[in-house]
């Protein structure tokens, strides 16, 4: 996937039809900021996976396949690649970020499998290789060292990333601001709310450009 490609309803639906209806089509202009605001309005949580940023100017979206592993065990991560379905986003939760569990070779394998991208709540490495691959990777930090293929972790179990719990099948959206996880059972409501927020923000932009002050627009 082109890392500069916007989220289109058509490409989103192609990847998300197995477990979600067409109500989950996403406006290509919606960002993680609007999705986080929408989450807060719907269920009082932000959905943010704290501290995550893209390796490059990547965007990613799709349903989650979850991996829980220790930082020194990249073997479970590789198994996660082949447990995921085409179009999924692999979400990896590590117990630490002092050792990288994801790199260029794993990205190559994941891209071959049709995985939409990888989100590492831990460390990644091989940034230049990943960028050259044009494969979306988000992580907390970059480290050069890696562990071993211990294969002692778990796949498709609920994981915790900071203060957010992610389950297999939840909707994952990532962009330059970070990553948001939306529970599958409320994803259509959150997407609709995010659409309303986007429309309201566009209206505010128009008023600002016409010379109104932000204070007047907000009536504060």
N, C-alpha and C. Protein backbone atom coordinates (compact mmCIF):
# COMPACT_ATOMS: atom_id res chain seq x y z
N UNK A 1 0.85 -1.20 0.00
CA UNK A 1 0.00 0.00 0.00
C UNK A 1 0.87 1.24 0.00
N UNK A 2 0.56 2.19 -0.87
CA UNK A 2 1.30 3.45 -0.92
C UNK A 2 1.14 4.17 0.39
N UNK A 3 2.26 4.52 1.05
CA UNK A 3 2.17 5.13 2.37
C UNK A 3 1.50 6.49 2.32
N UNK A 4 1.41 7.12 1.12
CA UNK A 4 0.76 8.41 1.00
C UNK A 4 -0.70 8.26 0.57
N UNK A 5 -1.14 7.02 0.38
CA UNK A 5 -2.51 6.78 -0.04
C UNK A 5 -3.48 7.16 1.08
N UNK A 6 -4.53 7.91 0.72
CA UNK A 6 -5.54 8.25 1.70
C UNK A 6 -6.47 7.07 1.92
N UNK A 7 -7.18 7.08 3.04
CA UNK A 7 -8.13 6.03 3.33
C UNK A 7 -9.36 6.23 2.44
N UNK A 8 -9.64 5.30 1.54
CA UNK A 8 -10.80 5.43 0.69
C UNK A 8 -11.87 4.44 1.13
N UNK A 9 -13.14 4.79 0.99
CA UNK A 9 -14.19 3.85 1.36
C UNK A 9 -14.07 2.53 0.62
N UNK A 10 -13.68 2.59 -0.66
CA UNK A 10 -13.61 1.35 -1.43
C UNK A 10 -12.53 0.42 -0.91
N UNK A 11 -11.31 0.97 -0.69
CA UNK A 11 -10.21 0.11 -0.22
C UNK A 11 -10.45 -0.33 1.21
N UNK A 12 -11.09 0.53 2.00
CA UNK A 12 -11.39 0.15 3.37
C UNK A 12 -12.36 -1.02 3.39
N UNK A 13 -13.43 -0.93 2.60
CA UNK A 13 -14.44 -1.98 2.60
C UNK A 13 -13.87 -3.30 2.09
N UNK A 14 -12.98 -3.22 1.11
CA UNK A 14 -12.37 -4.44 0.57
C UNK A 14 -11.65 -5.20 1.67
N UNK A 15 -11.03 -4.46 2.60
CA UNK A 15 -10.25 -5.09 3.65
C UNK A 15 -11.07 -5.41 4.89
N UNK A 16 -12.29 -4.84 5.00
CA UNK A 16 -12.99 -4.88 6.28
C UNK A 16 -14.36 -5.54 6.20
N UNK A 17 -14.64 -6.25 5.09
CA UNK A 17 -15.99 -6.75 4.88
C UNK A 17 -16.30 -8.02 5.66
N UNK A 18 -15.31 -8.79 6.08
CA UNK A 18 -15.59 -10.07 6.72
C UNK A 18 -16.40 -9.95 7.99
N UNK A 19 -16.06 -8.93 8.81
CA UNK A 19 -16.70 -8.82 10.11
C UNK A 19 -17.48 -7.53 10.28
N UNK A 20 -17.50 -6.68 9.27
CA UNK A 20 -18.13 -5.38 9.40
C UNK A 20 -18.95 -5.04 8.17
N UNK A 21 -20.04 -4.30 8.37
CA UNK A 21 -20.92 -3.94 7.26
C UNK A 21 -20.42 -2.69 6.58
N UNK A 22 -21.18 -2.27 5.50
CA UNK A 22 -20.76 -1.09 4.79
C UNK A 22 -20.97 0.19 5.58
N UNK A 23 -21.57 0.09 6.77
CA UNK A 23 -21.69 1.24 7.65
C UNK A 23 -20.32 1.70 8.14
N UNK A 24 -19.32 0.85 7.97
CA UNK A 24 -17.98 1.16 8.45
C UNK A 24 -17.09 1.78 7.38
N UNK A 25 -17.70 2.21 6.25
CA UNK A 25 -16.91 2.94 5.26
C UNK A 25 -16.37 4.21 5.90
N UNK A 26 -15.12 4.54 5.59
CA UNK A 26 -14.47 5.67 6.25
C UNK A 26 -14.16 6.78 5.26
N UNK A 27 -14.52 7.99 5.61
CA UNK A 27 -14.21 9.16 4.80
C UNK A 27 -12.70 9.32 4.72
N UNK A 28 -12.13 9.49 3.53
CA UNK A 28 -10.68 9.59 3.41
C UNK A 28 -10.08 10.79 4.12
N UNK A 29 -10.90 11.77 4.47
CA UNK A 29 -10.40 12.97 5.14
C UNK A 29 -10.41 12.86 6.67
N UNK A 30 -11.01 11.80 7.19
CA UNK A 30 -11.07 11.64 8.64
C UNK A 30 -9.70 11.24 9.18
N UNK A 31 -9.29 11.88 10.27
CA UNK A 31 -7.99 11.63 10.88
C UNK A 31 -8.14 10.93 12.22
N UNK A 32 -7.03 10.50 12.78
CA UNK A 32 -7.07 9.90 14.11
C UNK A 32 -7.52 10.91 15.17
N UNK A 33 -7.25 12.18 14.95
CA UNK A 33 -7.69 13.21 15.90
C UNK A 33 -9.20 13.24 16.00
N UNK A 34 -9.87 13.21 14.85
CA UNK A 34 -11.33 13.21 14.86
C UNK A 34 -11.89 11.91 15.39
N UNK A 35 -11.23 10.81 15.08
CA UNK A 35 -11.69 9.52 15.60
C UNK A 35 -11.55 9.45 17.12
N UNK A 36 -10.46 10.00 17.65
CA UNK A 36 -10.28 10.02 19.10
C UNK A 36 -11.33 10.89 19.76
N UNK A 37 -11.63 12.05 19.18
CA UNK A 37 -12.69 12.91 19.71
C UNK A 37 -14.04 12.19 19.67
N UNK A 38 -14.29 11.47 18.58
CA UNK A 38 -15.54 10.74 18.45
C UNK A 38 -15.64 9.62 19.48
N UNK A 39 -14.54 8.92 19.71
CA UNK A 39 -14.51 7.88 20.74
C UNK A 39 -14.87 8.45 22.11
N UNK A 40 -14.31 9.61 22.42
CA UNK A 40 -14.57 10.24 23.71
C UNK A 40 -16.05 10.57 23.88
N UNK A 41 -16.68 11.00 22.79
CA UNK A 41 -18.10 11.34 22.86
C UNK A 41 -18.96 10.08 22.98
N UNK A 42 -18.55 9.00 22.33
CA UNK A 42 -19.36 7.79 22.31
C UNK A 42 -19.24 6.99 23.60
N UNK A 43 -18.01 6.77 24.06
CA UNK A 43 -17.86 5.91 25.24
C UNK A 43 -16.91 6.44 26.31
N UNK A 44 -16.49 7.72 26.18
CA UNK A 44 -15.67 8.33 27.23
C UNK A 44 -14.23 7.90 27.24
N UNK A 45 -13.77 7.22 26.18
CA UNK A 45 -12.37 6.80 26.07
C UNK A 45 -11.79 7.33 24.77
N UNK A 46 -10.48 7.58 24.76
CA UNK A 46 -9.86 8.16 23.57
C UNK A 46 -9.53 7.13 22.50
N UNK A 47 -9.30 5.88 22.89
CA UNK A 47 -8.89 4.85 21.94
C UNK A 47 -7.45 4.96 21.49
N UNK A 48 -6.70 5.92 22.06
CA UNK A 48 -5.32 6.17 21.62
C UNK A 48 -4.38 5.10 22.18
N UNK A 49 -3.52 4.58 21.32
CA UNK A 49 -2.43 3.70 21.75
C UNK A 49 -1.24 4.61 22.02
N UNK A 50 -1.00 4.88 23.29
CA UNK A 50 -0.10 5.96 23.70
C UNK A 50 1.34 5.76 23.22
N UNK A 51 1.91 6.87 22.74
CA UNK A 51 3.34 6.90 22.41
C UNK A 51 3.72 6.33 21.07
N UNK A 52 2.74 5.97 20.24
CA UNK A 52 3.05 5.35 18.96
C UNK A 52 3.11 6.39 17.85
N UNK A 53 4.11 6.25 16.99
CA UNK A 53 4.25 7.12 15.83
C UNK A 53 4.68 6.29 14.63
N UNK A 54 4.36 6.74 13.41
CA UNK A 54 4.80 6.00 12.23
C UNK A 54 6.30 6.14 11.99
N UNK A 55 6.91 5.10 11.42
CA UNK A 55 8.32 5.15 11.06
C UNK A 55 8.55 6.20 9.98
N UNK A 56 7.58 6.36 9.09
CA UNK A 56 7.64 7.38 8.05
C UNK A 56 6.25 8.00 7.94
N UNK A 57 5.91 8.60 6.80
CA UNK A 57 4.60 9.24 6.65
C UNK A 57 3.56 8.21 6.24
N UNK A 58 3.45 7.17 7.05
CA UNK A 58 2.54 6.08 6.75
C UNK A 58 1.13 6.36 7.27
N UNK A 59 0.16 5.76 6.60
CA UNK A 59 -1.20 5.66 7.09
C UNK A 59 -1.57 4.18 7.08
N UNK A 60 -2.41 3.79 8.04
CA UNK A 60 -2.82 2.39 8.09
C UNK A 60 -4.24 2.29 8.61
N UNK A 61 -4.96 1.30 8.16
CA UNK A 61 -6.30 1.04 8.66
C UNK A 61 -6.66 -0.41 8.38
N UNK A 62 -7.51 -0.98 9.23
CA UNK A 62 -7.94 -2.36 9.06
C UNK A 62 -8.33 -2.95 10.40
N UNK A 63 -8.72 -4.20 10.39
CA UNK A 63 -9.10 -4.85 11.65
C UNK A 63 -7.87 -5.45 12.31
N UNK A 64 -7.90 -5.49 13.62
CA UNK A 64 -6.74 -5.92 14.39
C UNK A 64 -6.60 -7.43 14.46
N UNK A 65 -5.37 -7.90 14.31
CA UNK A 65 -4.96 -9.22 14.79
C UNK A 65 -3.95 -8.96 15.89
N UNK A 66 -4.21 -9.46 17.08
CA UNK A 66 -3.40 -9.11 18.25
C UNK A 66 -2.33 -10.14 18.56
N UNK A 67 -1.20 -9.63 19.06
CA UNK A 67 -0.08 -10.47 19.50
C UNK A 67 0.42 -9.95 20.83
N UNK A 68 0.54 -10.84 21.82
CA UNK A 68 1.13 -10.50 23.12
C UNK A 68 2.44 -11.26 23.24
N UNK A 69 3.54 -10.55 23.49
CA UNK A 69 4.82 -11.22 23.56
C UNK A 69 5.79 -10.45 24.44
N UNK A 70 6.85 -11.11 24.85
CA UNK A 70 7.92 -10.41 25.55
C UNK A 70 8.82 -9.75 24.51
N UNK A 71 9.54 -8.72 24.93
CA UNK A 71 10.36 -7.97 23.99
C UNK A 71 11.47 -8.82 23.36
N UNK A 72 11.89 -9.87 24.05
CA UNK A 72 12.97 -10.70 23.51
C UNK A 72 12.46 -11.91 22.73
N UNK A 73 11.17 -11.90 22.39
CA UNK A 73 10.58 -13.03 21.67
C UNK A 73 9.92 -12.55 20.38
N UNK A 74 10.67 -12.57 19.27
CA UNK A 74 10.08 -12.18 18.00
C UNK A 74 9.45 -13.36 17.27
N UNK A 75 9.63 -14.57 17.80
CA UNK A 75 9.04 -15.76 17.17
C UNK A 75 7.52 -15.71 17.16
N UNK A 76 6.93 -15.28 18.28
CA UNK A 76 5.47 -15.18 18.35
C UNK A 76 4.95 -14.18 17.32
N UNK A 77 5.71 -13.12 17.10
CA UNK A 77 5.33 -12.09 16.14
C UNK A 77 5.25 -12.68 14.73
N UNK A 78 6.22 -13.51 14.38
CA UNK A 78 6.22 -14.13 13.05
C UNK A 78 5.02 -15.04 12.89
N UNK A 79 4.67 -15.78 13.94
CA UNK A 79 3.47 -16.61 13.88
C UNK A 79 2.22 -15.76 13.69
N UNK A 80 2.23 -14.56 14.29
CA UNK A 80 1.10 -13.65 14.15
C UNK A 80 0.87 -13.23 12.71
N UNK A 81 1.94 -13.08 11.95
CA UNK A 81 1.81 -12.70 10.54
C UNK A 81 0.95 -13.71 9.80
N UNK A 82 1.17 -14.99 10.08
CA UNK A 82 0.47 -16.04 9.35
C UNK A 82 -0.87 -16.42 9.98
N UNK A 83 -1.15 -15.84 11.14
CA UNK A 83 -2.47 -16.01 11.76
C UNK A 83 -3.43 -14.93 11.28
N UNK A 84 -2.88 -13.82 10.79
CA UNK A 84 -3.70 -12.69 10.36
C UNK A 84 -4.29 -12.94 8.98
N UNK A 85 -5.41 -12.26 8.70
CA UNK A 85 -6.04 -12.32 7.39
C UNK A 85 -5.54 -11.16 6.53
N UNK A 86 -5.69 -11.30 5.24
CA UNK A 86 -5.31 -10.23 4.32
C UNK A 86 -6.06 -8.95 4.69
N UNK A 87 -5.32 -7.85 4.76
CA UNK A 87 -5.93 -6.57 5.10
C UNK A 87 -5.94 -6.26 6.58
N UNK A 88 -5.55 -7.22 7.43
CA UNK A 88 -5.50 -6.97 8.87
C UNK A 88 -4.33 -6.05 9.22
N UNK A 89 -4.43 -5.45 10.41
CA UNK A 89 -3.31 -4.73 11.00
C UNK A 89 -2.81 -5.56 12.17
N UNK A 90 -1.54 -5.90 12.15
CA UNK A 90 -0.95 -6.68 13.23
C UNK A 90 -0.62 -5.75 14.40
N UNK A 91 -1.21 -6.01 15.56
CA UNK A 91 -0.99 -5.19 16.75
C UNK A 91 -0.20 -6.01 17.75
N UNK A 92 1.00 -5.56 18.08
CA UNK A 92 1.91 -6.31 18.96
C UNK A 92 2.10 -5.55 20.26
N UNK A 93 1.77 -6.19 21.37
CA UNK A 93 2.00 -5.60 22.68
C UNK A 93 3.16 -6.32 23.36
N UNK A 94 4.20 -5.56 23.70
CA UNK A 94 5.40 -6.13 24.33
C UNK A 94 5.48 -5.73 25.80
N UNK A 95 6.19 -6.52 26.58
CA UNK A 95 6.34 -6.20 28.00
C UNK A 95 7.39 -5.11 28.22
N UNK A 96 8.14 -4.78 27.17
CA UNK A 96 9.19 -3.77 27.29
C UNK A 96 9.52 -3.25 25.89
N UNK A 97 10.25 -2.15 25.82
CA UNK A 97 10.66 -1.64 24.51
C UNK A 97 12.17 -1.53 24.40
N UNK A 98 12.88 -2.36 25.17
CA UNK A 98 14.34 -2.34 25.14
C UNK A 98 14.94 -3.26 24.08
N UNK A 99 14.09 -4.07 23.44
CA UNK A 99 14.54 -4.99 22.39
C UNK A 99 13.52 -4.93 21.26
N UNK A 100 14.00 -4.85 20.02
CA UNK A 100 13.09 -4.77 18.87
C UNK A 100 12.49 -6.13 18.54
N UNK A 101 11.18 -6.16 18.31
CA UNK A 101 10.50 -7.40 17.91
C UNK A 101 10.07 -7.35 16.44
N UNK A 102 10.32 -6.23 15.77
CA UNK A 102 9.87 -6.10 14.38
C UNK A 102 10.93 -5.39 13.56
N UNK A 103 11.12 -5.85 12.30
CA UNK A 103 12.11 -5.23 11.44
C UNK A 103 11.80 -5.44 9.97
N UNK A 104 12.82 -5.30 9.14
CA UNK A 104 12.63 -5.35 7.69
C UNK A 104 12.20 -6.73 7.19
N UNK A 105 12.80 -7.79 7.73
CA UNK A 105 12.44 -9.13 7.28
C UNK A 105 10.99 -9.46 7.63
N UNK A 106 10.58 -9.12 8.85
CA UNK A 106 9.18 -9.35 9.25
C UNK A 106 8.24 -8.52 8.38
N UNK A 107 8.63 -7.28 8.06
CA UNK A 107 7.81 -6.43 7.21
C UNK A 107 7.66 -7.02 5.81
N UNK A 108 8.76 -7.58 5.30
CA UNK A 108 8.71 -8.21 3.98
C UNK A 108 7.74 -9.38 3.97
N UNK A 109 7.83 -10.23 5.02
CA UNK A 109 6.92 -11.38 5.11
C UNK A 109 5.47 -10.92 5.24
N UNK A 110 5.24 -9.90 6.06
CA UNK A 110 3.88 -9.40 6.27
C UNK A 110 3.30 -8.80 4.99
N UNK A 111 4.11 -8.05 4.26
CA UNK A 111 3.64 -7.46 3.01
C UNK A 111 3.29 -8.55 2.01
N UNK A 112 4.10 -9.62 1.95
CA UNK A 112 3.81 -10.74 1.06
C UNK A 112 2.48 -11.39 1.40
N UNK A 113 2.10 -11.37 2.69
CA UNK A 113 0.84 -11.97 3.15
C UNK A 113 -0.35 -11.04 2.98
N UNK A 114 -0.10 -9.82 2.55
CA UNK A 114 -1.19 -8.88 2.36
C UNK A 114 -1.62 -8.17 3.63
N UNK A 115 -0.77 -8.19 4.66
CA UNK A 115 -1.08 -7.47 5.90
C UNK A 115 -1.02 -5.97 5.62
N UNK A 116 -1.98 -5.22 6.18
CA UNK A 116 -2.06 -3.79 5.89
C UNK A 116 -0.96 -2.99 6.56
N UNK A 117 -0.48 -3.45 7.70
CA UNK A 117 0.56 -2.74 8.43
C UNK A 117 0.76 -3.35 9.80
N UNK A 118 1.75 -2.86 10.52
CA UNK A 118 2.08 -3.39 11.84
C UNK A 118 2.19 -2.25 12.84
N UNK A 119 1.58 -2.45 13.99
CA UNK A 119 1.66 -1.49 15.10
C UNK A 119 2.34 -2.20 16.26
N UNK A 120 3.48 -1.67 16.70
CA UNK A 120 4.27 -2.31 17.76
C UNK A 120 4.23 -1.44 19.01
N UNK A 121 3.55 -1.93 20.04
CA UNK A 121 3.60 -1.25 21.33
C UNK A 121 4.86 -1.76 22.02
N UNK A 122 5.98 -1.29 21.47
CA UNK A 122 7.30 -1.74 21.85
C UNK A 122 8.27 -1.14 20.84
N UNK A 123 9.33 -1.88 20.51
CA UNK A 123 10.37 -1.34 19.64
C UNK A 123 10.42 -2.05 18.29
N UNK A 124 10.78 -1.28 17.27
CA UNK A 124 11.05 -1.82 15.94
C UNK A 124 12.48 -1.46 15.55
N UNK A 125 12.94 -1.98 14.41
CA UNK A 125 14.27 -1.64 13.90
C UNK A 125 14.24 -1.65 12.37
N UNK A 126 15.38 -1.44 11.75
CA UNK A 126 15.51 -1.47 10.28
C UNK A 126 14.62 -0.43 9.61
N UNK A 127 14.60 0.77 10.15
CA UNK A 127 13.67 1.80 9.66
C UNK A 127 13.84 2.10 8.17
N UNK A 128 15.09 2.25 7.71
CA UNK A 128 15.29 2.60 6.30
C UNK A 128 14.80 1.49 5.38
N UNK A 129 15.02 0.26 5.77
CA UNK A 129 14.54 -0.87 4.97
C UNK A 129 13.03 -0.92 4.92
N UNK A 130 12.39 -0.63 6.05
CA UNK A 130 10.93 -0.62 6.12
C UNK A 130 10.37 0.48 5.23
N UNK A 131 11.00 1.65 5.27
CA UNK A 131 10.56 2.76 4.43
C UNK A 131 10.70 2.41 2.96
N UNK A 132 11.82 1.79 2.59
CA UNK A 132 12.03 1.38 1.20
C UNK A 132 10.99 0.35 0.76
N UNK A 133 10.56 -0.49 1.69
CA UNK A 133 9.54 -1.49 1.40
C UNK A 133 8.17 -0.87 1.18
N UNK A 134 7.98 0.35 1.73
CA UNK A 134 6.69 1.02 1.67
C UNK A 134 5.64 0.23 2.45
N UNK A 135 6.07 -0.29 3.60
CA UNK A 135 5.18 -1.07 4.45
C UNK A 135 4.94 -0.29 5.75
N UNK A 136 3.69 0.03 6.08
CA UNK A 136 3.40 0.86 7.26
C UNK A 136 3.77 0.18 8.58
N UNK A 137 4.63 0.83 9.34
CA UNK A 137 5.00 0.37 10.69
C UNK A 137 4.92 1.55 11.65
N UNK A 138 4.28 1.30 12.78
CA UNK A 138 4.19 2.26 13.87
C UNK A 138 4.81 1.61 15.10
N UNK A 139 5.60 2.36 15.87
CA UNK A 139 6.17 1.80 17.09
C UNK A 139 6.44 2.90 18.10
N UNK A 140 6.73 2.50 19.34
CA UNK A 140 7.03 3.47 20.38
C UNK A 140 8.44 4.02 20.23
N UNK A 141 9.36 3.15 19.79
CA UNK A 141 10.77 3.50 19.77
C UNK A 141 11.48 2.62 18.76
N UNK A 142 12.68 3.02 18.35
CA UNK A 142 13.50 2.23 17.43
C UNK A 142 14.75 1.77 18.15
N UNK A 143 15.04 0.49 18.05
CA UNK A 143 16.23 -0.12 18.66
C UNK A 143 16.95 -0.97 17.62
N UNK A 144 18.27 -1.13 17.70
CA UNK A 144 18.97 -1.97 16.74
C UNK A 144 19.01 -3.45 17.13
N UNK A 145 18.82 -3.75 18.41
CA UNK A 145 19.00 -5.13 18.89
C UNK A 145 17.70 -5.91 18.87
N UNK A 146 17.82 -7.23 18.63
CA UNK A 146 16.66 -8.11 18.58
C UNK A 146 16.86 -9.30 19.51
N UNK A 147 15.76 -10.01 19.79
CA UNK A 147 15.80 -11.15 20.69
C UNK A 147 15.92 -12.47 19.96
N UNK A 148 15.06 -13.42 20.32
CA UNK A 148 15.13 -14.77 19.77
C UNK A 148 13.73 -15.26 19.38
N UNK A 149 13.66 -16.31 18.55
CA UNK A 149 12.36 -16.88 18.18
C UNK A 149 11.85 -17.84 19.24
N UNK A 150 11.48 -17.33 20.40
CA UNK A 150 11.08 -18.18 21.52
C UNK A 150 9.68 -18.75 21.36
N UNK A 151 8.80 -18.00 20.71
CA UNK A 151 7.43 -18.45 20.44
C UNK A 151 6.67 -18.81 21.72
N UNK A 152 6.81 -17.97 22.73
CA UNK A 152 6.14 -18.22 24.01
C UNK A 152 4.97 -17.26 24.27
N UNK A 153 4.67 -16.41 23.30
CA UNK A 153 3.59 -15.45 23.49
C UNK A 153 2.24 -15.99 23.06
N UNK A 154 1.25 -15.09 22.94
CA UNK A 154 -0.11 -15.48 22.56
C UNK A 154 -0.61 -14.63 21.41
N UNK A 155 -1.48 -15.23 20.61
CA UNK A 155 -2.06 -14.57 19.45
C UNK A 155 -3.58 -14.53 19.58
N UNK A 156 -4.17 -13.43 19.14
CA UNK A 156 -5.63 -13.24 19.15
C UNK A 156 -6.24 -13.28 20.54
N UNK A 157 -5.50 -12.74 21.50
CA UNK A 157 -6.01 -12.52 22.85
C UNK A 157 -6.10 -11.01 23.07
N UNK A 158 -7.02 -10.54 23.92
CA UNK A 158 -7.06 -9.10 24.22
C UNK A 158 -5.72 -8.63 24.77
N UNK A 159 -5.24 -7.49 24.26
CA UNK A 159 -3.96 -6.95 24.72
C UNK A 159 -4.18 -5.53 25.25
N UNK A 160 -3.26 -5.07 26.07
CA UNK A 160 -3.34 -3.72 26.61
C UNK A 160 -2.16 -2.91 26.09
N UNK A 161 -2.46 -1.78 25.48
CA UNK A 161 -1.44 -0.86 24.98
C UNK A 161 -1.62 0.46 25.72
N UNK A 162 -0.83 0.67 26.75
CA UNK A 162 -1.01 1.85 27.59
C UNK A 162 -2.27 1.71 28.40
N UNK A 163 -3.27 2.55 28.12
CA UNK A 163 -4.55 2.47 28.83
C UNK A 163 -5.66 1.93 27.94
N UNK A 164 -5.31 1.48 26.75
CA UNK A 164 -6.31 1.02 25.79
C UNK A 164 -6.21 -0.49 25.58
N UNK A 165 -7.34 -1.16 25.70
CA UNK A 165 -7.42 -2.59 25.42
C UNK A 165 -7.82 -2.79 23.97
N UNK A 166 -7.10 -3.67 23.28
CA UNK A 166 -7.37 -3.96 21.88
C UNK A 166 -7.73 -5.44 21.75
N UNK A 167 -8.81 -5.72 21.03
CA UNK A 167 -9.23 -7.09 20.77
C UNK A 167 -9.12 -7.38 19.27
N UNK A 168 -8.89 -8.63 18.94
CA UNK A 168 -8.91 -9.02 17.54
C UNK A 168 -10.24 -8.63 16.92
N UNK A 169 -10.19 -7.98 15.76
CA UNK A 169 -11.40 -7.53 15.09
C UNK A 169 -11.72 -6.07 15.31
N UNK A 170 -11.06 -5.43 16.30
CA UNK A 170 -11.26 -3.99 16.48
C UNK A 170 -10.70 -3.23 15.29
N UNK A 171 -11.23 -2.03 15.06
CA UNK A 171 -10.78 -1.21 13.95
C UNK A 171 -9.56 -0.40 14.37
N UNK A 172 -8.49 -0.47 13.57
CA UNK A 172 -7.26 0.26 13.84
C UNK A 172 -7.04 1.29 12.74
N UNK A 173 -6.81 2.53 13.14
CA UNK A 173 -6.48 3.60 12.19
C UNK A 173 -5.24 4.32 12.69
N UNK A 174 -4.25 4.49 11.83
CA UNK A 174 -3.03 5.19 12.19
C UNK A 174 -2.65 6.21 11.14
N UNK A 175 -2.12 7.34 11.59
CA UNK A 175 -1.61 8.36 10.68
C UNK A 175 -0.47 9.09 11.37
N UNK A 176 -0.13 10.29 10.87
CA UNK A 176 1.03 11.00 11.41
C UNK A 176 0.88 11.41 12.87
N UNK A 177 -0.36 11.44 13.37
CA UNK A 177 -0.59 11.84 14.77
C UNK A 177 -0.52 10.67 15.74
N UNK A 178 -0.63 9.44 15.24
CA UNK A 178 -0.61 8.28 16.13
C UNK A 178 -1.57 7.21 15.68
N UNK A 179 -2.00 6.39 16.64
CA UNK A 179 -2.86 5.24 16.35
C UNK A 179 -4.05 5.24 17.29
N UNK A 180 -5.23 4.97 16.72
CA UNK A 180 -6.46 4.85 17.50
C UNK A 180 -7.07 3.48 17.25
N UNK A 181 -7.53 2.84 18.34
CA UNK A 181 -8.22 1.57 18.25
C UNK A 181 -9.69 1.79 18.61
N UNK A 182 -10.58 1.30 17.76
CA UNK A 182 -12.02 1.47 17.96
C UNK A 182 -12.66 0.10 18.13
N UNK A 183 -13.31 -0.15 19.27
CA UNK A 183 -13.96 -1.45 19.46
C UNK A 183 -14.90 -1.77 18.31
N UNK A 184 -14.83 -2.98 17.83
CA UNK A 184 -15.64 -3.37 16.68
C UNK A 184 -17.12 -3.15 16.87
N UNK A 185 -17.62 -3.35 18.10
CA UNK A 185 -19.05 -3.25 18.35
C UNK A 185 -19.59 -1.83 18.27
N UNK A 186 -18.72 -0.81 18.36
CA UNK A 186 -19.19 0.58 18.26
C UNK A 186 -18.54 1.31 17.09
N UNK A 187 -17.87 0.59 16.21
CA UNK A 187 -17.10 1.24 15.14
C UNK A 187 -17.99 2.07 14.21
N UNK A 188 -19.18 1.58 13.88
CA UNK A 188 -20.04 2.34 12.98
C UNK A 188 -20.49 3.65 13.62
N UNK A 189 -20.78 3.62 14.93
CA UNK A 189 -21.18 4.84 15.64
C UNK A 189 -20.03 5.83 15.70
N UNK A 190 -18.83 5.34 15.96
CA UNK A 190 -17.67 6.22 16.06
C UNK A 190 -17.35 6.85 14.71
N UNK A 191 -17.43 6.07 13.65
CA UNK A 191 -17.16 6.62 12.32
C UNK A 191 -18.19 7.68 11.94
N UNK A 192 -19.44 7.45 12.30
CA UNK A 192 -20.49 8.45 12.02
C UNK A 192 -20.23 9.73 12.82
N UNK A 193 -19.86 9.59 14.08
CA UNK A 193 -19.57 10.76 14.92
C UNK A 193 -18.35 11.51 14.39
N UNK A 194 -17.33 10.77 13.94
CA UNK A 194 -16.14 11.40 13.38
C UNK A 194 -16.49 12.19 12.12
N UNK A 195 -17.42 11.66 11.33
CA UNK A 195 -17.88 12.37 10.13
C UNK A 195 -18.54 13.69 10.52
N UNK A 196 -19.35 13.67 11.56
CA UNK A 196 -20.01 14.89 12.04
C UNK A 196 -18.98 15.91 12.55
N UNK A 197 -17.96 15.41 13.26
CA UNK A 197 -16.90 16.29 13.77
C UNK A 197 -16.15 16.93 12.62
N UNK A 198 -15.85 16.14 11.57
CA UNK A 198 -15.16 16.67 10.40
C UNK A 198 -15.98 17.78 9.74
N UNK A 199 -17.27 17.57 9.60
CA UNK A 199 -18.14 18.58 8.99
C UNK A 199 -18.15 19.86 9.83
N UNK A 200 -18.22 19.71 11.15
CA UNK A 200 -18.22 20.87 12.03
C UNK A 200 -16.90 21.63 11.93
N UNK A 201 -15.78 20.91 11.88
CA UNK A 201 -14.47 21.55 11.76
C UNK A 201 -14.34 22.28 10.43
N UNK A 202 -14.85 21.70 9.37
CA UNK A 202 -14.81 22.36 8.06
C UNK A 202 -15.62 23.65 8.09
N UNK A 203 -16.73 23.64 8.80
CA UNK A 203 -17.55 24.84 8.94
C UNK A 203 -16.80 25.93 9.71
N UNK A 204 -16.07 25.51 10.74
CA UNK A 204 -15.28 26.47 11.52
C UNK A 204 -14.17 27.08 10.66
N UNK A 205 -13.51 26.25 9.85
CA UNK A 205 -12.48 26.77 8.94
C UNK A 205 -13.06 27.85 8.03
N UNK A 206 -14.24 27.60 7.49
CA UNK A 206 -14.87 28.57 6.59
C UNK A 206 -15.12 29.90 7.32
N UNK A 207 -15.61 29.81 8.56
CA UNK A 207 -15.89 31.02 9.32
C UNK A 207 -14.61 31.78 9.67
N UNK A 208 -13.56 31.05 10.01
CA UNK A 208 -12.27 31.70 10.30
C UNK A 208 -11.74 32.42 9.06
N UNK A 209 -11.86 31.76 7.91
CA UNK A 209 -11.38 32.35 6.68
C UNK A 209 -12.20 33.56 6.25
N UNK A 210 -13.42 33.69 6.79
CA UNK A 210 -14.25 34.85 6.50
C UNK A 210 -14.02 35.99 7.48
N UNK A 211 -13.09 35.76 8.45
CA UNK A 211 -12.72 36.83 9.35
C UNK A 211 -13.27 36.75 10.76
N UNK A 212 -14.08 35.75 11.06
CA UNK A 212 -14.60 35.61 12.42
C UNK A 212 -13.49 35.12 13.33
N UNK A 213 -13.55 35.48 14.61
CA UNK A 213 -12.55 34.99 15.56
C UNK A 213 -12.98 33.64 16.10
N UNK A 214 -11.99 32.88 16.55
CA UNK A 214 -12.28 31.56 17.13
C UNK A 214 -13.13 31.71 18.40
N UNK A 215 -12.88 32.79 19.14
CA UNK A 215 -13.65 33.05 20.36
C UNK A 215 -15.13 33.26 20.02
N UNK A 216 -15.39 34.04 18.97
CA UNK A 216 -16.78 34.28 18.58
C UNK A 216 -17.46 33.01 18.07
N UNK A 217 -16.72 32.23 17.29
CA UNK A 217 -17.29 31.01 16.75
C UNK A 217 -17.68 30.04 17.85
N UNK A 218 -16.81 29.93 18.85
CA UNK A 218 -17.05 28.99 19.96
C UNK A 218 -17.95 29.57 21.04
N UNK A 219 -18.15 30.89 20.96
CA UNK A 219 -18.98 31.58 21.96
C UNK A 219 -18.45 31.36 23.37
N UNK A 220 -17.14 31.64 23.53
CA UNK A 220 -16.52 31.47 24.85
C UNK A 220 -15.97 32.82 25.36
